[in-house]
Amino acid sequence: MIEFLKTLRVDLMIACVAVLFSAPVIAAIDLRDYDNDLMRDLEKTVKYFEPDITAKNADAAKEDAQVLLDGFKYTESYFKKKDAADAVEISRKGVKLISDVIASVDGNDFDAAAAAARGAPDLCKSCHDIYKPRLAR
């Protein structure tokens, strides 16, 4: 029984360490000056982005894309001032992704546009995991 408890204790300690190292790190940057209205618009828009493309609604897709493109550009500029290189890189990836989607929509390649657009929420989440406080989600 004592051997079992020792093994259990070691397993529990290993599990706790694994959780600590796998949990996302929340950055310690003051975000009170971030444009929260813009963030809400982005969160709403990203939900309609891929469905608008899949429906081959080019006008709505381009409108969505412009909102997201402006948001990624704002976020890149914002985080550049905060010296947050990871967020700047995520924002640049977002600008590229959205630009690629626009080019695909302009070329009437809605399948490629939709496939690329599906990556937008993942980019958003990758930044939120680091910078968006859990209580604000």
N, C-alpha and C. Protein backbone atom coordinates (compact mmCIF):
# COMPACT_ATOMS: atom_id res chain seq x y z
N MET A 1 0.83 -1.20 0.00
CA MET A 1 0.00 0.00 0.00
C MET A 1 0.87 1.25 0.00
N ILE A 2 1.94 1.24 0.78
CA ILE A 2 2.82 2.41 0.85
C ILE A 2 3.48 2.64 -0.50
N GLU A 3 3.89 1.56 -1.17
CA GLU A 3 4.50 1.67 -2.50
C GLU A 3 3.51 2.28 -3.49
N PHE A 4 2.26 1.84 -3.39
CA PHE A 4 1.21 2.37 -4.26
C PHE A 4 1.03 3.87 -4.04
N LEU A 5 1.00 4.30 -2.79
CA LEU A 5 0.84 5.72 -2.48
C LEU A 5 2.02 6.55 -2.98
N LYS A 6 3.22 6.00 -2.87
CA LYS A 6 4.39 6.71 -3.38
C LYS A 6 4.30 6.88 -4.89
N THR A 7 3.90 5.82 -5.58
CA THR A 7 3.75 5.87 -7.03
C THR A 7 2.66 6.86 -7.41
N LEU A 8 1.56 6.82 -6.70
CA LEU A 8 0.46 7.74 -6.96
C LEU A 8 0.91 9.18 -6.75
N ARG A 9 1.67 9.42 -5.70
CA ARG A 9 2.17 10.77 -5.40
C ARG A 9 3.08 11.26 -6.52
N VAL A 10 3.96 10.41 -6.99
CA VAL A 10 4.86 10.79 -8.08
C VAL A 10 4.06 11.07 -9.35
N ASP A 11 3.10 10.21 -9.66
CA ASP A 11 2.26 10.42 -10.84
C ASP A 11 1.49 11.72 -10.75
N LEU A 12 0.98 12.04 -9.58
CA LEU A 12 0.25 13.28 -9.37
C LEU A 12 1.16 14.49 -9.55
N MET A 13 2.37 14.41 -9.06
CA MET A 13 3.32 15.51 -9.20
C MET A 13 3.68 15.71 -10.68
N ILE A 14 3.89 14.63 -11.39
CA ILE A 14 4.19 14.73 -12.83
C ILE A 14 3.02 15.36 -13.56
N ALA A 15 1.81 14.96 -13.23
CA ALA A 15 0.62 15.53 -13.88
C ALA A 15 0.51 17.02 -13.61
N CYS A 16 0.76 17.43 -12.39
CA CYS A 16 0.69 18.86 -12.04
C CYS A 16 1.74 19.67 -12.81
N VAL A 17 2.94 19.16 -12.90
CA VAL A 17 3.99 19.85 -13.64
C VAL A 17 3.61 19.94 -15.11
N ALA A 18 3.06 18.88 -15.67
CA ALA A 18 2.64 18.89 -17.07
C ALA A 18 1.58 19.95 -17.31
N VAL A 19 0.63 20.07 -16.41
CA VAL A 19 -0.43 21.08 -16.55
C VAL A 19 0.18 22.48 -16.48
N LEU A 20 1.09 22.70 -15.57
CA LEU A 20 1.72 24.02 -15.45
C LEU A 20 2.45 24.41 -16.71
N PHE A 21 3.16 23.47 -17.31
CA PHE A 21 3.94 23.79 -18.50
C PHE A 21 3.10 23.84 -19.76
N SER A 22 1.93 23.25 -19.76
CA SER A 22 1.10 23.27 -20.95
C SER A 22 0.08 24.40 -20.91
N ALA A 23 -0.13 25.01 -19.78
CA ALA A 23 -1.10 26.11 -19.66
C ALA A 23 -0.56 27.34 -20.37
N PRO A 24 -1.42 28.08 -21.09
CA PRO A 24 -0.94 29.27 -21.77
C PRO A 24 -0.48 30.33 -20.77
N VAL A 25 0.52 31.06 -21.17
CA VAL A 25 1.05 32.12 -20.33
C VAL A 25 0.31 33.41 -20.68
N ILE A 26 -0.22 34.08 -19.69
CA ILE A 26 -0.90 35.35 -19.91
C ILE A 26 0.13 36.45 -19.79
N ALA A 27 0.22 37.26 -20.83
CA ALA A 27 1.21 38.33 -20.85
C ALA A 27 0.82 39.42 -19.86
N ALA A 28 1.84 40.02 -19.27
CA ALA A 28 1.62 41.09 -18.29
C ALA A 28 1.79 42.45 -18.96
N ILE A 29 0.85 42.76 -19.83
CA ILE A 29 0.86 44.05 -20.52
C ILE A 29 -0.45 44.76 -20.20
N ASP A 30 -0.35 46.06 -19.97
CA ASP A 30 -1.55 46.85 -19.69
C ASP A 30 -2.32 47.02 -21.00
N LEU A 31 -3.50 46.44 -21.08
CA LEU A 31 -4.32 46.48 -22.29
C LEU A 31 -5.52 47.40 -22.16
N ARG A 32 -5.54 48.22 -21.12
CA ARG A 32 -6.72 49.06 -20.90
C ARG A 32 -6.96 50.06 -22.02
N ASP A 33 -5.92 50.38 -22.80
CA ASP A 33 -6.09 51.34 -23.88
C ASP A 33 -6.41 50.67 -25.22
N TYR A 34 -6.59 49.35 -25.21
CA TYR A 34 -6.96 48.66 -26.45
C TYR A 34 -8.40 49.02 -26.82
N ASP A 35 -8.68 49.10 -28.09
CA ASP A 35 -10.01 49.46 -28.58
C ASP A 35 -10.95 48.24 -28.45
N ASN A 36 -11.66 48.17 -27.35
CA ASN A 36 -12.54 47.04 -27.09
C ASN A 36 -13.74 46.98 -28.03
N ASP A 37 -14.19 48.13 -28.52
CA ASP A 37 -15.28 48.13 -29.50
C ASP A 37 -14.82 47.43 -30.78
N LEU A 38 -13.60 47.73 -31.18
CA LEU A 38 -13.03 47.06 -32.36
C LEU A 38 -12.96 45.55 -32.12
N MET A 39 -12.51 45.14 -30.95
CA MET A 39 -12.40 43.71 -30.65
C MET A 39 -13.76 43.04 -30.75
N ARG A 40 -14.79 43.67 -30.24
CA ARG A 40 -16.14 43.10 -30.33
C ARG A 40 -16.57 42.98 -31.80
N ASP A 41 -16.27 44.01 -32.60
CA ASP A 41 -16.59 43.95 -34.03
C ASP A 41 -15.84 42.81 -34.72
N LEU A 42 -14.58 42.63 -34.36
CA LEU A 42 -13.78 41.55 -34.95
C LEU A 42 -14.33 40.18 -34.56
N GLU A 43 -14.68 40.03 -33.29
CA GLU A 43 -15.21 38.75 -32.82
C GLU A 43 -16.54 38.42 -33.52
N LYS A 44 -17.36 39.43 -33.76
CA LYS A 44 -18.62 39.21 -34.47
C LYS A 44 -18.35 38.89 -35.94
N THR A 45 -17.47 39.66 -36.56
CA THR A 45 -17.20 39.52 -37.98
C THR A 45 -16.58 38.17 -38.32
N VAL A 46 -15.65 37.71 -37.48
CA VAL A 46 -14.95 36.45 -37.80
C VAL A 46 -15.93 35.27 -37.82
N LYS A 47 -17.04 35.39 -37.11
CA LYS A 47 -18.05 34.32 -37.11
C LYS A 47 -18.77 34.21 -38.45
N TYR A 48 -18.91 35.32 -39.16
CA TYR A 48 -19.64 35.34 -40.43
C TYR A 48 -18.72 35.23 -41.65
N PHE A 49 -17.43 35.38 -41.43
CA PHE A 49 -16.46 35.47 -42.52
C PHE A 49 -16.49 34.24 -43.43
N GLU A 50 -16.18 33.09 -42.90
CA GLU A 50 -16.15 31.88 -43.72
C GLU A 50 -17.54 31.50 -44.25
N PRO A 51 -18.61 31.60 -43.47
CA PRO A 51 -19.93 31.30 -44.03
C PRO A 51 -20.31 32.22 -45.20
N ASP A 52 -19.94 33.50 -45.13
CA ASP A 52 -20.22 34.40 -46.25
C ASP A 52 -19.47 33.96 -47.50
N ILE A 53 -18.24 33.50 -47.31
CA ILE A 53 -17.44 33.03 -48.45
C ILE A 53 -18.03 31.74 -49.01
N THR A 54 -18.36 30.82 -48.13
CA THR A 54 -18.93 29.54 -48.57
C THR A 54 -20.23 29.76 -49.33
N ALA A 55 -20.99 30.77 -48.95
CA ALA A 55 -22.24 31.11 -49.65
C ALA A 55 -21.96 31.87 -50.95
N LYS A 56 -20.69 32.11 -51.24
CA LYS A 56 -20.26 32.84 -52.45
C LYS A 56 -20.84 34.25 -52.49
N ASN A 57 -20.98 34.83 -51.32
CA ASN A 57 -21.44 36.20 -51.20
C ASN A 57 -20.20 37.10 -51.18
N ALA A 58 -19.72 37.43 -52.36
CA ALA A 58 -18.46 38.17 -52.49
C ALA A 58 -18.51 39.53 -51.79
N ASP A 59 -19.62 40.23 -51.92
CA ASP A 59 -19.70 41.56 -51.30
C ASP A 59 -19.60 41.47 -49.77
N ALA A 60 -20.34 40.55 -49.16
CA ALA A 60 -20.29 40.39 -47.71
C ALA A 60 -18.91 39.89 -47.28
N ALA A 61 -18.33 38.97 -48.05
CA ALA A 61 -17.01 38.45 -47.72
C ALA A 61 -15.96 39.55 -47.76
N LYS A 62 -16.04 40.41 -48.75
CA LYS A 62 -15.08 41.53 -48.85
C LYS A 62 -15.29 42.53 -47.72
N GLU A 63 -16.54 42.75 -47.36
CA GLU A 63 -16.83 43.65 -46.23
C GLU A 63 -16.26 43.07 -44.94
N ASP A 64 -16.50 41.78 -44.71
CA ASP A 64 -15.93 41.10 -43.54
C ASP A 64 -14.41 41.19 -43.56
N ALA A 65 -13.83 40.91 -44.73
CA ALA A 65 -12.38 40.91 -44.87
C ALA A 65 -11.79 42.28 -44.54
N GLN A 66 -12.47 43.32 -44.95
CA GLN A 66 -11.95 44.66 -44.67
C GLN A 66 -11.96 44.96 -43.17
N VAL A 67 -13.02 44.55 -42.49
CA VAL A 67 -13.09 44.73 -41.03
C VAL A 67 -11.94 43.97 -40.36
N LEU A 68 -11.75 42.72 -40.78
CA LEU A 68 -10.69 41.90 -40.19
C LEU A 68 -9.30 42.43 -40.54
N LEU A 69 -9.12 42.86 -41.77
CA LEU A 69 -7.83 43.41 -42.20
C LEU A 69 -7.50 44.66 -41.39
N ASP A 70 -8.47 45.55 -41.25
CA ASP A 70 -8.26 46.77 -40.44
C ASP A 70 -7.93 46.39 -38.99
N GLY A 71 -8.61 45.37 -38.48
CA GLY A 71 -8.37 44.92 -37.11
C GLY A 71 -6.97 44.36 -36.92
N PHE A 72 -6.52 43.52 -37.85
CA PHE A 72 -5.17 42.97 -37.75
C PHE A 72 -4.12 44.08 -37.87
N LYS A 73 -4.38 45.06 -38.74
CA LYS A 73 -3.43 46.17 -38.89
C LYS A 73 -3.38 47.02 -37.62
N TYR A 74 -4.55 47.30 -37.04
CA TYR A 74 -4.60 48.05 -35.79
C TYR A 74 -3.85 47.28 -34.69
N THR A 75 -4.12 45.98 -34.61
CA THR A 75 -3.50 45.16 -33.57
C THR A 75 -1.99 45.09 -33.75
N GLU A 76 -1.54 45.00 -34.98
CA GLU A 76 -0.09 45.00 -35.23
C GLU A 76 0.54 46.30 -34.73
N SER A 77 -0.06 47.41 -35.07
CA SER A 77 0.45 48.72 -34.65
C SER A 77 0.40 48.85 -33.13
N TYR A 78 -0.71 48.44 -32.55
CA TYR A 78 -0.89 48.53 -31.10
C TYR A 78 0.18 47.74 -30.36
N PHE A 79 0.36 46.49 -30.74
CA PHE A 79 1.31 45.64 -30.03
C PHE A 79 2.76 45.97 -30.36
N LYS A 80 2.99 46.59 -31.49
CA LYS A 80 4.35 47.04 -31.80
C LYS A 80 4.77 48.10 -30.78
N LYS A 81 3.85 48.98 -30.41
CA LYS A 81 4.12 50.01 -29.40
C LYS A 81 4.33 49.40 -28.01
N LYS A 82 3.78 48.21 -27.80
CA LYS A 82 3.90 47.52 -26.51
C LYS A 82 5.11 46.58 -26.48
N ASP A 83 5.87 46.54 -27.57
CA ASP A 83 7.02 45.63 -27.69
C ASP A 83 6.61 44.17 -27.48
N ALA A 84 5.50 43.80 -28.04
CA ALA A 84 4.99 42.43 -27.93
C ALA A 84 5.16 41.73 -29.28
N ALA A 85 6.37 41.23 -29.51
CA ALA A 85 6.73 40.68 -30.81
C ALA A 85 5.83 39.52 -31.24
N ASP A 86 5.41 38.68 -30.29
CA ASP A 86 4.57 37.55 -30.66
C ASP A 86 3.21 38.02 -31.20
N ALA A 87 2.63 39.02 -30.57
CA ALA A 87 1.34 39.55 -31.04
C ALA A 87 1.50 40.26 -32.38
N VAL A 88 2.62 40.95 -32.57
CA VAL A 88 2.89 41.60 -33.85
C VAL A 88 2.97 40.55 -34.96
N GLU A 89 3.66 39.46 -34.68
CA GLU A 89 3.79 38.38 -35.67
C GLU A 89 2.44 37.74 -35.98
N ILE A 90 1.64 37.51 -34.97
CA ILE A 90 0.30 36.96 -35.17
C ILE A 90 -0.52 37.91 -36.04
N SER A 91 -0.43 39.20 -35.76
CA SER A 91 -1.17 40.20 -36.54
C SER A 91 -0.72 40.22 -37.99
N ARG A 92 0.58 40.11 -38.22
CA ARG A 92 1.11 40.08 -39.59
C ARG A 92 0.61 38.84 -40.34
N LYS A 93 0.56 37.73 -39.64
CA LYS A 93 0.01 36.51 -40.26
C LYS A 93 -1.45 36.73 -40.63
N GLY A 94 -2.17 37.45 -39.77
CA GLY A 94 -3.57 37.76 -40.04
C GLY A 94 -3.73 38.64 -41.26
N VAL A 95 -2.88 39.65 -41.39
CA VAL A 95 -2.93 40.54 -42.56
C VAL A 95 -2.70 39.72 -43.83
N LYS A 96 -1.71 38.83 -43.79
CA LYS A 96 -1.41 37.99 -44.96
C LYS A 96 -2.57 37.07 -45.27
N LEU A 97 -3.12 36.42 -44.25
CA LEU A 97 -4.23 35.49 -44.45
C LEU A 97 -5.42 36.21 -45.09
N ILE A 98 -5.79 37.36 -44.54
CA ILE A 98 -6.95 38.09 -45.05
C ILE A 98 -6.68 38.60 -46.46
N SER A 99 -5.47 39.05 -46.72
CA SER A 99 -5.11 39.50 -48.08
C SER A 99 -5.22 38.34 -49.07
N ASP A 100 -4.79 37.16 -48.65
CA ASP A 100 -4.91 35.97 -49.51
C ASP A 100 -6.38 35.63 -49.77
N VAL A 101 -7.21 35.77 -48.75
CA VAL A 101 -8.63 35.49 -48.91
C VAL A 101 -9.24 36.48 -49.91
N ILE A 102 -8.91 37.75 -49.77
CA ILE A 102 -9.45 38.76 -50.69
C ILE A 102 -9.04 38.44 -52.13
N ALA A 103 -7.78 38.06 -52.31
CA ALA A 103 -7.30 37.72 -53.66
C ALA A 103 -8.07 36.52 -54.22
N SER A 104 -8.33 35.53 -53.38
CA SER A 104 -9.09 34.36 -53.83
C SER A 104 -10.52 34.71 -54.17
N VAL A 105 -11.15 35.55 -53.35
CA VAL A 105 -12.52 35.99 -53.65
C VAL A 105 -12.54 36.79 -54.95
N ASP A 106 -11.58 37.68 -55.11
CA ASP A 106 -11.50 38.46 -56.35
C ASP A 106 -11.32 37.57 -57.58
N GLY A 107 -10.64 36.44 -57.39
CA GLY A 107 -10.44 35.48 -58.48
C GLY A 107 -11.54 34.45 -58.58
N ASN A 108 -12.62 34.64 -57.85
CA ASN A 108 -13.77 33.71 -57.83
C ASN A 108 -13.39 32.31 -57.38
N ASP A 109 -12.33 32.18 -56.60
CA ASP A 109 -11.93 30.88 -56.05
C ASP A 109 -12.42 30.83 -54.61
N PHE A 110 -13.71 30.58 -54.46
CA PHE A 110 -14.34 30.60 -53.15
C PHE A 110 -13.91 29.42 -52.28
N ASP A 111 -13.54 28.30 -52.91
CA ASP A 111 -13.07 27.16 -52.12
C ASP A 111 -11.75 27.50 -51.42
N ALA A 112 -10.82 28.09 -52.18
CA ALA A 112 -9.53 28.48 -51.58
C ALA A 112 -9.73 29.58 -50.54
N ALA A 113 -10.63 30.51 -50.83
CA ALA A 113 -10.91 31.60 -49.89
C ALA A 113 -11.48 31.05 -48.59
N ALA A 114 -12.43 30.13 -48.70
CA ALA A 114 -13.06 29.55 -47.50
C ALA A 114 -12.04 28.75 -46.69
N ALA A 115 -11.19 27.99 -47.38
CA ALA A 115 -10.17 27.20 -46.68
C ALA A 115 -9.23 28.12 -45.90
N ALA A 116 -8.81 29.21 -46.53
CA ALA A 116 -7.93 30.16 -45.84
C ALA A 116 -8.66 30.85 -44.70
N ALA A 117 -9.91 31.23 -44.93
CA ALA A 117 -10.69 31.96 -43.92
C ALA A 117 -10.87 31.15 -42.64
N ARG A 118 -10.87 29.83 -42.77
CA ARG A 118 -11.03 28.98 -41.59
C ARG A 118 -9.86 29.12 -40.62
N GLY A 119 -8.76 29.67 -41.08
CA GLY A 119 -7.60 29.90 -40.21
C GLY A 119 -7.70 31.16 -39.37
N ALA A 120 -8.60 32.07 -39.72
CA ALA A 120 -8.71 33.35 -39.00
C ALA A 120 -9.05 33.16 -37.51
N PRO A 121 -10.05 32.35 -37.17
CA PRO A 121 -10.36 32.19 -35.74
C PRO A 121 -9.19 31.61 -34.94
N ASP A 122 -8.41 30.73 -35.57
CA ASP A 122 -7.25 30.16 -34.88
C ASP A 122 -6.20 31.22 -34.58
N LEU A 123 -6.00 32.13 -35.54
CA LEU A 123 -5.05 33.23 -35.30
C LEU A 123 -5.54 34.11 -34.15
N CYS A 124 -6.81 34.43 -34.17
CA CYS A 124 -7.38 35.25 -33.10
C CYS A 124 -7.18 34.56 -31.75
N LYS A 125 -7.51 33.28 -31.70
CA LYS A 125 -7.40 32.53 -30.45
C LYS A 125 -5.95 32.46 -29.97
N SER A 126 -5.00 32.33 -30.89
CA SER A 126 -3.60 32.23 -30.48
C SER A 126 -3.14 33.50 -29.76
N CYS A 127 -3.66 34.63 -30.17
CA CYS A 127 -3.33 35.89 -29.49
C CYS A 127 -4.13 36.03 -28.19
N HIS A 128 -5.39 35.65 -28.24
CA HIS A 128 -6.24 35.75 -27.04
C HIS A 128 -5.69 34.87 -25.91
N ASP A 129 -5.16 33.70 -26.28
CA ASP A 129 -4.60 32.81 -25.26
C ASP A 129 -3.48 33.48 -24.48
N ILE A 130 -2.78 34.39 -25.13
CA ILE A 130 -1.66 35.08 -24.48
C ILE A 130 -2.09 36.40 -23.84
N TYR A 131 -2.92 37.16 -24.52
CA TYR A 131 -3.15 38.55 -24.11
C TYR A 131 -4.55 38.87 -23.58
N LYS A 132 -5.52 38.05 -23.85
CA LYS A 132 -6.88 38.39 -23.40
C LYS A 132 -7.12 37.77 -22.03
N PRO A 133 -7.35 38.60 -21.03
CA PRO A 133 -7.58 38.05 -19.68
C PRO A 133 -8.76 37.09 -19.68
N ARG A 134 -8.62 36.01 -18.95
CA ARG A 134 -9.64 34.97 -18.90
C ARG A 134 -11.01 35.50 -18.46
N LEU A 135 -11.02 36.43 -17.55
CA LEU A 135 -12.28 36.94 -17.04
C LEU A 135 -13.02 37.77 -18.08
N ALA A 136 -12.30 38.29 -19.08
CA ALA A 136 -12.92 39.14 -20.08
C ALA A 136 -13.50 38.32 -21.23
N ARG A 137 -13.29 37.02 -21.24
CA ARG A 137 -13.76 36.20 -22.36
C ARG A 137 -15.20 35.84 -22.22
